[in-house]
PDB file of N, CA and C in Angstrom:
ATOM      1  N   UNK A   1     -18.012   1.680   6.660  1.00  0.00           N
ATOM      2  CA  UNK A   1     -16.818   0.989   6.407  1.00  0.00           C
ATOM      3  C   UNK A   1     -16.479   0.580   4.945  1.00  0.00           C
ATOM      4  N   UNK A   2     -17.689   0.109   3.959  1.00  0.00           N
ATOM      5  CA  UNK A   2     -17.534  -0.404   2.663  1.00  0.00           C
ATOM      6  C   UNK A   2     -16.965   0.844   1.926  1.00  0.00           C
ATOM      7  N   UNK A   3     -17.410   2.062   1.987  1.00  0.00           N
ATOM      8  CA  UNK A   3     -16.838   3.235   1.286  1.00  0.00           C
ATOM      9  C   UNK A   3     -15.185   3.251   1.641  1.00  0.00           C
ATOM     10  N   UNK A   4     -15.125   3.429   2.789  1.00  0.00           N
ATOM     11  CA  UNK A   4     -13.664   3.544   3.563  1.00  0.00           C
ATOM     12  C   UNK A   4     -12.913   2.136   2.622  1.00  0.00           C
ATOM     13  N   UNK A   5     -13.156   1.292   2.752  1.00  0.00           N
ATOM     14  CA  UNK A   5     -12.568   0.216   2.457  1.00  0.00           C
ATOM     15  C   UNK A   5     -12.077   0.009   0.906  1.00  0.00           C
ATOM     16  N   UNK A   6     -12.953   0.500  -0.011  1.00  0.00           N
ATOM     17  CA  UNK A   6     -13.076   0.517  -1.383  1.00  0.00           C
ATOM     18  C   UNK A   6     -12.367   1.615  -1.739  1.00  0.00           C
ATOM     19  N   UNK A   7     -12.359   2.884  -0.883  1.00  0.00           N
ATOM     20  CA  UNK A   7     -11.610   3.963  -1.472  1.00  0.00           C
ATOM     21  C   UNK A   7     -10.202   3.826  -0.751  1.00  0.00           C
ATOM     22  N   UNK A   8      -9.839   3.378   0.414  1.00  0.00           N
ATOM     23  CA  UNK A   8      -8.279   2.921   0.745  1.00  0.00           C
ATOM     24  C   UNK A   8      -7.669   1.913   0.144  1.00  0.00           C
ATOM     25  N   UNK A   9      -8.432   1.081  -0.549  1.00  0.00           N
ATOM     26  CA  UNK A   9      -7.777   0.099  -1.621  1.00  0.00           C
ATOM     27  C   UNK A   9      -7.678   0.477  -2.784  1.00  0.00           C
ATOM     28  N   UNK A  10      -8.261   1.648  -3.342  1.00  0.00           N
ATOM     29  CA  UNK A  10      -7.796   2.435  -4.366  1.00  0.00           C
ATOM     30  C   UNK A  10      -9.060   1.413  -5.514  1.00  0.00           C
ATOM     31  N   UNK A  11      -9.829   0.723  -5.067  1.00  0.00           N
ATOM     32  CA  UNK A  11     -10.619   0.316  -6.115  1.00  0.00           C
ATOM     33  C   UNK A  11     -11.689   1.071  -6.756  1.00  0.00           C
ATOM     34  N   UNK A  12     -12.491   1.680  -6.061  1.00  0.00           N
ATOM     35  CA  UNK A  12     -13.342   2.942  -6.286  1.00  0.00           C
ATOM     36  C   UNK A  12     -14.397   2.155  -7.111  1.00  0.00           C
ATOM     37  N   UNK A  13     -15.373   1.538  -6.881  1.00  0.00           N
ATOM     38  CA  UNK A  13     -16.707   1.009  -7.833  1.00  0.00           C
ATOM     39  C   UNK A  13     -17.215   2.031  -8.331  1.00  0.00           C
ATOM     40  N   UNK A  14     -17.614   2.921  -7.712  1.00  0.00           N
ATOM     41  CA  UNK A  14     -18.476   4.182  -7.925  1.00  0.00           C
ATOM     42  C   UNK A  14     -19.800   4.047  -7.848  1.00  0.00           C
ATOM     43  N   UNK A  15     -20.299   2.879  -6.653  1.00  0.00           N
ATOM     44  CA  UNK A  15     -21.646   2.969  -6.351  1.00  0.00           C
ATOM     45  C   UNK A  15     -21.825   3.545  -5.447  1.00  0.00           C
ATOM     46  N   UNK A  16     -21.027   3.732  -4.533  1.00  0.00           N
ATOM     47  CA  UNK A  16     -21.270   5.197  -2.946  1.00  0.00           C
ATOM     48  C   UNK A  16     -20.505   6.044  -3.653  1.00  0.00           C
ATOM     49  N   UNK A  17     -20.912   7.424  -3.725  1.00  0.00           N
ATOM     50  CA  UNK A  17     -20.031   8.467  -4.044  1.00  0.00           C
ATOM     51  C   UNK A  17     -20.263   9.550  -2.892  1.00  0.00           C
ATOM     52  N   UNK A  18     -19.318  10.364  -2.474  1.00  0.00           N
ATOM     53  CA  UNK A  18     -19.433  11.547  -1.792  1.00  0.00           C
ATOM     54  C   UNK A  18     -20.136  12.658  -2.265  1.00  0.00           C
ATOM     55  N   UNK A  19     -21.064  13.053  -1.443  1.00  0.00           N
ATOM     56  CA  UNK A  19     -21.832  14.196  -2.151  1.00  0.00           C
ATOM     57  C   UNK A  19     -21.586  15.823  -1.770  1.00  0.00           C
ATOM     58  N   UNK A  20     -21.307  15.753  -0.669  1.00  0.00           N
ATOM     59  CA  UNK A  20     -20.975  17.148  -0.264  1.00  0.00           C
ATOM     60  C   UNK A  20     -19.155  17.423  -0.074  1.00  0.00           C
ATOM     61  N   UNK A  21     -18.850  18.714  -0.141  1.00  0.00           N
ATOM     62  CA  UNK A  21     -17.666  19.099  -0.509  1.00  0.00           C
ATOM     63  C   UNK A  21     -16.672  18.513   0.409  1.00  0.00           C
ATOM     64  N   UNK A  22     -17.262  18.561   1.784  1.00  0.00           N
ATOM     65  CA  UNK A  22     -16.348  18.089   2.931  1.00  0.00           C
ATOM     66  C   UNK A  22     -15.822  16.552   2.645  1.00  0.00           C
ATOM     67  N   UNK A  23     -17.090  15.773   2.187  1.00  0.00           N
ATOM     68  CA  UNK A  23     -17.200  14.271   2.034  1.00  0.00           C
ATOM     69  C   UNK A  23     -16.103  14.195   0.922  1.00  0.00           C
ATOM     70  N   UNK A  24     -16.226  15.012  -0.036  1.00  0.00           N
ATOM     71  CA  UNK A  24     -15.136  14.818  -1.183  1.00  0.00           C
ATOM     72  C   UNK A  24     -13.570  14.961  -0.881  1.00  0.00           C
ATOM     73  N   UNK A  25     -13.934  15.941  -0.026  1.00  0.00           N
ATOM     74  CA  UNK A  25     -11.890  16.401   0.430  1.00  0.00           C
ATOM     75  C   UNK A  25     -11.904  15.466   1.392  1.00  0.00           C
ATOM     76  N   UNK A  26     -12.626  14.548   2.270  1.00  0.00           N
ATOM     77  CA  UNK A  26     -12.650  13.405   3.046  1.00  0.00           C
ATOM     78  C   UNK A  26     -12.168  12.233   2.219  1.00  0.00           C
ATOM     79  N   UNK A  27     -12.694  12.039   1.160  1.00  0.00           N
ATOM     80  CA  UNK A  27     -12.530  10.579   0.396  1.00  0.00           C
ATOM     81  C   UNK A  27     -11.188  10.854  -0.496  1.00  0.00           C
ATOM     82  N   UNK A  28     -10.839  12.080  -0.878  1.00  0.00           N
ATOM     83  CA  UNK A  28      -9.782  12.211  -1.433  1.00  0.00           C
ATOM     84  C   UNK A  28      -8.543  12.180  -0.307  1.00  0.00           C
ATOM     85  N   UNK A  29      -8.620  12.349   0.731  1.00  0.00           N
ATOM     86  CA  UNK A  29      -7.441  12.041   2.002  1.00  0.00           C
ATOM     87  C   UNK A  29      -7.285  10.677   1.769  1.00  0.00           C
ATOM     88  N   UNK A  30      -8.473  10.272   2.174  1.00  0.00           N
ATOM     89  CA  UNK A  30      -8.541   8.703   2.219  1.00  0.00           C
ATOM     90  C   UNK A  30      -7.900   7.813   1.287  1.00  0.00           C
ATOM     91  N   UNK A  31      -8.451   8.342  -0.313  1.00  0.00           N
ATOM     92  CA  UNK A  31      -7.792   7.425  -1.185  1.00  0.00           C
ATOM     93  C   UNK A  31      -6.294   7.767  -1.242  1.00  0.00           C
ATOM     94  N   UNK A  32      -5.495   8.835  -0.697  1.00  0.00           N
ATOM     95  CA  UNK A  32      -4.189   9.235  -0.823  1.00  0.00           C
ATOM     96  C   UNK A  32      -3.489   8.221   0.258  1.00  0.00           C
ATOM     97  N   UNK A  33      -4.334   8.474   1.378  1.00  0.00           N
ATOM     98  CA  UNK A  33      -3.529   7.391   2.376  1.00  0.00           C
ATOM     99  C   UNK A  33      -3.492   6.093   2.237  1.00  0.00           C
ATOM    100  N   UNK A  34      -4.622   5.475   1.434  1.00  0.00           N
ATOM    101  CA  UNK A  34      -4.684   4.160   1.094  1.00  0.00           C
ATOM    102  C   UNK A  34      -3.300   3.914   0.017  1.00  0.00           C
ATOM    103  N   UNK A  35      -3.187   4.884  -0.566  1.00  0.00           N
ATOM    104  CA  UNK A  35      -2.053   4.614  -1.804  1.00  0.00           C
ATOM    105  C   UNK A  35      -0.954   4.605  -1.090  1.00  0.00           C
ATOM    106  N   UNK A  36      -0.588   5.468  -0.146  1.00  0.00           N
ATOM    107  CA  UNK A  36       0.680   5.294   0.938  1.00  0.00           C
ATOM    108  C   UNK A  36       0.811   3.704   1.590  1.00  0.00           C
ATOM    109  N   UNK A  37      -0.478   3.442   1.886  1.00  0.00           N
ATOM    110  CA  UNK A  37      -0.132   2.135   2.431  1.00  0.00           C
ATOM    111  C   UNK A  37       0.016   0.957   1.421  1.00  0.00           C
ATOM    112  N   UNK A  38      -0.457   1.109   0.516  1.00  0.00           N
ATOM    113  CA  UNK A  38      -0.626   0.123  -0.295  1.00  0.00           C
ATOM    114  C   UNK A  38       0.748   0.011  -1.032  1.00  0.00           C
ATOM    115  N   UNK A  39       1.311   1.049  -1.227  1.00  0.00           N
ATOM    116  CA  UNK A  39       2.784   1.189  -1.902  1.00  0.00           C
ATOM    117  C   UNK A  39       3.821   0.704  -0.617  1.00  0.00           C
ATOM    118  N   UNK A  40       3.511   1.208   0.654  1.00  0.00           N
ATOM    119  CA  UNK A  40       4.282   0.468   1.832  1.00  0.00           C
ATOM    120  C   UNK A  40       4.177  -0.919   1.864  1.00  0.00           C
ATOM    121  N   UNK A  41       3.012  -1.473   1.748  1.00  0.00           N
ATOM    122  CA  UNK A  41       2.853  -3.156   1.939  1.00  0.00           C
ATOM    123  C   UNK A  41       3.676  -3.708   0.675  1.00  0.00           C
ATOM    124  N   UNK A  42       3.609  -2.980  -0.412  1.00  0.00           N
ATOM    125  CA  UNK A  42       4.200  -3.608  -1.672  1.00  0.00           C
ATOM    126  C   UNK A  42       5.836  -3.488  -1.375  1.00  0.00           C
ATOM    127  N   UNK A  43       6.340  -2.502  -0.748  1.00  0.00           N
ATOM    128  CA  UNK A  43       7.807  -2.187  -0.795  1.00  0.00           C
ATOM    129  C   UNK A  43       8.085  -3.285   0.243  1.00  0.00           C
ATOM    130  N   UNK A  44       7.481  -3.783   1.371  1.00  0.00           N
ATOM    131  CA  UNK A  44       7.976  -4.294   2.318  1.00  0.00           C
ATOM    132  C   UNK A  44       7.867  -5.859   1.484  1.00  0.00           C
ATOM    133  N   UNK A  45       6.801  -6.037   0.752  1.00  0.00           N
ATOM    134  CA  UNK A  45       6.634  -7.580   0.498  1.00  0.00           C
ATOM    135  C   UNK A  45       7.770  -7.810  -0.754  1.00  0.00           C
ATOM    136  N   UNK A  46       8.334  -6.904  -1.369  1.00  0.00           N
ATOM    137  CA  UNK A  46       9.233  -6.825  -2.494  1.00  0.00           C
ATOM    138  C   UNK A  46      10.691  -6.773  -1.703  1.00  0.00           C
ATOM    139  N   UNK A  47      10.955  -6.601  -0.510  1.00  0.00           N
ATOM    140  CA  UNK A  47      12.147  -6.308   0.181  1.00  0.00           C
ATOM    141  C   UNK A  47      12.474  -7.619   0.757  1.00  0.00           C
ATOM    142  N   UNK A  48      11.071  -8.372   1.116  1.00  0.00           N
ATOM    143  CA  UNK A  48      11.351  -9.689   1.604  1.00  0.00           C
ATOM    144  C   UNK A  48      11.838 -10.608   0.629  1.00  0.00           C
ATOM    145  N   UNK A  49      10.773 -10.374  -0.442  1.00  0.00           N
ATOM    146  CA  UNK A  49      11.313 -11.608  -1.602  1.00  0.00           C
ATOM    147  C   UNK A  49      12.624 -11.120  -2.240  1.00  0.00           C
ATOM    148  N   UNK A  50      13.349 -10.032  -1.984  1.00  0.00           N
ATOM    149  CA  UNK A  50      14.561  -9.824  -2.424  1.00  0.00           C
ATOM    150  C   UNK A  50      15.654 -10.600  -1.378  1.00  0.00           C
ATOM    151  N   UNK A  51      15.088 -10.409  -0.328  1.00  0.00           N
ATOM    152  CA  UNK A  51      15.994 -11.020   0.877  1.00  0.00           C
ATOM    153  C   UNK A  51      16.067 -12.608   0.687  1.00  0.00           C
ATOM    154  N   UNK A  52      14.676 -13.047   0.396  1.00  0.00           N
ATOM    155  CA  UNK A  52      14.855 -14.508   0.052  1.00  0.00           C
ATOM    156  C   UNK A  52      15.685 -14.931  -1.024  1.00  0.00           C
ATOM    157  N   UNK A  53      15.534 -14.365  -2.159  1.00  0.00           N
ATOM    158  CA  UNK A  53      16.296 -14.646  -3.379  1.00  0.00           C
ATOM    159  C   UNK A  53      17.761 -14.544  -3.005  1.00  0.00           C
ATOM    160  N   UNK A  54      18.184 -13.687  -2.256  1.00  0.00           N
ATOM    161  CA  UNK A  54      19.771 -13.645  -1.629  1.00  0.00           C
ATOM    162  C   UNK A  54      19.804 -14.590  -0.842  1.00  0.00           C
ATOM    163  N   UNK A  55      19.237 -14.953  -0.011  1.00  0.00           N
ATOM    164  CA  UNK A  55      19.679 -16.206   0.953  1.00  0.00           C
ATOM    165  C   UNK A  55      19.577 -17.528   0.118  1.00  0.00           C
ATOM    166  N   UNK A  56      18.782 -17.637  -0.878  1.00  0.00           N
ATOM    167  CA  UNK A  56      18.747 -18.776  -1.597  1.00  0.00           C
ATOM    168  C   UNK A  56      19.928 -18.652  -2.838  1.00  0.00           C
ATOM    169  N   UNK A  57      20.320 -17.578  -3.167  1.00  0.00           N
ATOM    170  CA  UNK A  57      21.580 -17.680  -3.974  1.00  0.00           C
ATOM    171  C   UNK A  57      22.575 -17.710  -3.215  1.00  0.00           C
ATOM    172  N   UNK A  58      23.041 -17.666  -1.666  1.00  0.00           N
ATOM    173  CA  UNK A  58      24.356 -17.333  -1.021  1.00  0.00           C
ATOM    174  C   UNK A  58      24.699 -16.201  -0.871  1.00  0.00           C
ATOM    175  N   UNK A  59      23.894 -15.013  -1.364  1.00  0.00           N
ATOM    176  CA  UNK A  59      24.740 -13.953  -0.811  1.00  0.00           C
ATOM    177  C   UNK A  59      24.215 -13.460   0.029  1.00  0.00           C
ATOM    178  N   UNK A  60      25.132 -12.735   1.090  1.00  0.00           N
ATOM    179  CA  UNK A  60      24.759 -11.992   2.457  1.00  0.00           C
ATOM    180  C   UNK A  60      24.666 -10.655   1.810  1.00  0.00           C
ATOM    181  N   UNK A  61      23.640 -10.122   2.642  1.00  0.00           N
ATOM    182  CA  UNK A  61      23.135  -8.631   2.265  1.00  0.00           C
ATOM    183  C   UNK A  61      24.274  -7.370   2.722  1.00  0.00           C
ATOM    184  N   UNK A  62      25.140  -7.853   3.779  1.00  0.00           N
ATOM    185  CA  UNK A  62      26.005  -7.002   4.164  1.00  0.00           C
ATOM    186  C   UNK A  62      27.291  -7.692   4.303  1.00  0.00           C
ATOM    187  N   UNK A  63      27.868  -7.930   3.540  1.00  0.00           N
ATOM    188  CA  UNK A  63      29.120  -8.980   3.761  1.00  0.00           C
ATOM    189  C   UNK A  63      30.076  -8.294   5.224  1.00  0.00           C
ATOM    190  N   UNK A  64      30.135  -7.115   5.977  1.00  0.00           N
ATOM    191  CA  UNK A  64      30.546  -6.974   7.052  1.00  0.00           C
ATOM    192  C   UNK A  64      29.902  -7.705   8.249  1.00  0.00           C
ATOM    193  N   UNK A  65      28.745  -8.116   7.916  1.00  0.00           N
ATOM    194  CA  UNK A  65      28.240  -8.589   9.339  1.00  0.00           C
ATOM    195  C   UNK A  65      27.997 -10.079   9.018  1.00  0.00           C
ATOM    196  N   UNK A  66      28.675 -10.730   8.685  1.00  0.00           N
ATOM    197  CA  UNK A  66      28.831 -12.122   8.772  1.00  0.00           C
ATOM    198  C   UNK A  66      29.003 -12.717   9.692  1.00  0.00           C
TER     199      UNK A  66
END
């Protein structure tokens, strides 16, 4: 679990490393999945901040839906 968390979160301390070819491929795929999920979470958080800023400024995101 430790290795999965460190790899998926793209931290990569280097204290635990895969040794076999299969493990290395698995680690690469896990890192890619981690990057996708990290990007998704950041995008969702950014969208929430942008919507909150629009509401605070009194701007409606879609004027047709008032």
